[in-house]
C-alpha atoms as a PDB file:
ATOM      1  CA  MET A   1       5.219 100.195  36.520  1.00  0.00           C
ATOM      2  CA  LYS A   2       4.901  98.225  33.289  1.00  0.00           C
ATOM      3  CA  PRO A   3       2.278  95.533  32.751  1.00  0.00           C
ATOM      4  CA  LEU A   4       3.496  91.925  32.623  1.00  0.00           C
ATOM      5  CA  VAL A   5       0.856  90.669  30.166  1.00  0.00           C
ATOM      6  CA  GLY A   6      -0.891  92.170  27.167  1.00  0.00           C
ATOM      7  CA  ALA A   7      -4.118  94.125  27.440  1.00  0.00           C
ATOM      8  CA  MET A   8      -6.220  91.522  25.646  1.00  0.00           C
ATOM      9  CA  GLN A   9      -4.887  88.703  27.852  1.00  0.00           C
ATOM     10  CA  ALA A  10      -5.458  90.737  31.014  1.00  0.00           C
ATOM     11  CA  TRP A  11      -9.080  91.569  30.229  1.00  0.00           C
ATOM     12  CA  SER A  12      -9.806  88.032  28.953  1.00  0.00           C
ATOM     13  CA  CYS A  13      -8.424  86.579  32.176  1.00  0.00           C
ATOM     14  CA  PHE A  14     -10.526  89.064  34.149  1.00  0.00           C
ATOM     15  CA  VAL A  15     -13.772  88.056  32.411  1.00  0.00           C
ATOM     16  CA  ILE A  16     -13.028  84.320  32.630  1.00  0.00           C
ATOM     17  CA  SER A  17     -12.239  84.695  36.334  1.00  0.00           C
ATOM     18  CA  VAL A  18     -15.563  86.436  36.982  1.00  0.00           C
ATOM     19  CA  PHE A  19     -17.506  83.636  35.317  1.00  0.00           C
ATOM     20  CA  ALA A  20     -15.427  80.934  37.048  1.00  0.00           C
ATOM     21  CA  ILE A  21     -16.046  82.508  40.461  1.00  0.00           C
ATOM     22  CA  ILE A  22     -19.797  82.631  39.846  1.00  0.00           C
ATOM     23  CA  ILE A  23     -20.084  79.072  38.518  1.00  0.00           C
ATOM     24  CA  LEU A  24     -17.771  77.499  41.100  1.00  0.00           C
ATOM     25  CA  SER A  25     -19.482  79.349  43.945  1.00  0.00           C
ATOM     26  CA  ILE A  26     -22.837  77.934  42.889  1.00  0.00           C
ATOM     27  CA  LEU A  27     -21.358  74.425  42.658  1.00  0.00           C
ATOM     28  CA  GLY A  28     -19.686  74.828  46.060  1.00  0.00           C
ATOM     29  CA  ILE A  29     -22.951  75.910  47.661  1.00  0.00           C
ATOM     30  CA  LEU A  30     -24.751  72.921  46.143  1.00  0.00           C
ATOM     31  CA  PHE A  31     -22.058  70.487  47.336  1.00  0.00           C
ATOM     32  CA  LYS A  32     -22.037  72.061  50.805  1.00  0.00           C
ATOM     33  CA  GLY A  33     -25.792  71.508  51.065  1.00  0.00           C
ATOM     34  CA  ASN A  34     -25.395  67.877  49.867  1.00  0.00           C
ATOM     35  CA  HIS A  35     -27.707  68.475  46.926  1.00  0.00           C
ATOM     36  CA  PRO A  36     -29.060  65.093  45.769  1.00  0.00           C
ATOM     37  CA  GLU A  37     -28.185  65.720  42.120  1.00  0.00           C
ATOM     38  CA  LEU A  38     -24.504  66.024  43.039  1.00  0.00           C
ATOM     39  CA  VAL A  39     -24.051  63.560  45.916  1.00  0.00           C
ATOM     40  CA  GLY A  40     -26.967  61.172  45.471  1.00  0.00           C
ATOM     41  CA  GLY A  41     -25.601  58.401  43.252  1.00  0.00           C
ATOM     42  CA  GLU A  42     -23.269  55.499  43.981  1.00  0.00           C
ATOM     43  CA  GLU A  43     -20.401  56.950  41.924  1.00  0.00           C
ATOM     44  CA  ASP A  44     -20.802  60.455  43.336  1.00  0.00           C
ATOM     45  CA  PRO A  45     -18.699  61.793  46.228  1.00  0.00           C
ATOM     46  CA  LYS A  46     -19.742  60.617  49.698  1.00  0.00           C
ATOM     47  CA  ASN A  47     -18.917  63.803  51.604  1.00  0.00           C
ATOM     48  CA  GLY A  48     -20.160  66.911  49.844  1.00  0.00           C
ATOM     49  CA  GLU A  49     -18.662  69.283  52.398  1.00  0.00           C
ATOM     50  CA  GLU A  50     -15.104  68.144  51.617  1.00  0.00           C
ATOM     51  CA  VAL A  51     -15.738  68.641  47.917  1.00  0.00           C
ATOM     52  CA  ALA A  52     -17.214  72.082  48.656  1.00  0.00           C
ATOM     53  CA  ALA A  53     -14.057  73.056  50.575  1.00  0.00           C
ATOM     54  CA  THR A  54     -11.938  72.121  47.550  1.00  0.00           C
ATOM     55  CA  VAL A  55     -14.216  74.056  45.208  1.00  0.00           C
ATOM     56  CA  PHE A  56     -14.029  77.129  47.456  1.00  0.00           C
ATOM     57  CA  ILE A  57     -10.215  76.920  47.362  1.00  0.00           C
ATOM     58  CA  ALA A  58     -10.499  77.071  43.568  1.00  0.00           C
ATOM     59  CA  VAL A  59     -12.740  80.133  43.960  1.00  0.00           C
ATOM     60  CA  MET A  60     -10.013  81.805  46.031  1.00  0.00           C
ATOM     61  CA  ILE A  61      -7.420  81.037  43.357  1.00  0.00           C
ATOM     62  CA  TYR A  62      -9.663  82.572  40.693  1.00  0.00           C
ATOM     63  CA  ALA A  63     -10.168  85.598  42.958  1.00  0.00           C
ATOM     64  CA  GLY A  64      -6.386  86.011  42.950  1.00  0.00           C
ATOM     65  CA  PHE A  65      -6.405  85.821  39.146  1.00  0.00           C
ATOM     66  CA  LEU A  66      -9.209  88.383  39.094  1.00  0.00           C
ATOM     67  CA  VAL A  67      -7.223  90.865  41.177  1.00  0.00           C
ATOM     68  CA  PHE A  68      -3.979  90.316  39.261  1.00  0.00           C
ATOM     69  CA  CYS A  69      -5.555  90.533  35.804  1.00  0.00           C
ATOM     70  CA  GLY A  70      -7.699  93.509  36.789  1.00  0.00           C
ATOM     71  CA  LEU A  71      -4.616  95.386  37.971  1.00  0.00           C
ATOM     72  CA  GLN A  72      -2.807  94.501  34.756  1.00  0.00           C
ATOM     73  CA  GLY A  73      -5.738  95.827  32.728  1.00  0.00           C
ATOM     74  CA  LEU A  74      -5.750  99.046  34.747  1.00  0.00           C
ATOM     75  CA  LEU A  75      -2.023  99.462  34.128  1.00  0.00           C
ATOM     76  CA  HIS A  76      -2.722  99.229  30.394  1.00  0.00           C
ATOM     77  CA  LEU A  77      -5.429 101.880  30.706  1.00  0.00           C
ATOM     78  CA  ARG A  78      -3.079 104.156  32.595  1.00  0.00           C
ATOM     79  CA  GLU A  79      -0.341 103.668  29.986  1.00  0.00           C
ATOM     80  CA  SER A  80      -2.689 104.417  27.106  1.00  0.00           C
ATOM     81  CA  ARG A  81      -3.819 107.673  28.729  1.00  0.00           C
ATOM     82  CA  ARG A  82      -0.210 108.856  29.042  1.00  0.00           C
ATOM     83  CA  GLY A  83       0.352 108.507  25.315  1.00  0.00           C
ATOM     84  CA  ALA A  84       2.569 105.427  25.419  1.00  0.00           C
ATOM     85  CA  ILE A  85       3.122 103.753  22.094  1.00  0.00           C
ATOM     86  CA  ALA A  86       1.570 100.288  21.913  1.00  0.00           C
ATOM     87  CA  LEU A  87       3.607  97.766  19.968  1.00  0.00           C
END
């Protein structure tokens, strides 16, 4: 099976996805707990749990990117070990 994206793009997407999952998970936990810094003002969201659900959906999307990009990176590693010529 041939990779769909380049090696650099696959590993960059992998690293960005890891950081996005960490940061968004922390934000989701804070919104779920109705942290006053995030839901305390007049212009802030009224229901932190609804916002947390949306943030956790974004975490799931980034988890999908993480799996896809990680598999693409592994395909590049497998190709390079077989002696394929990189263009």
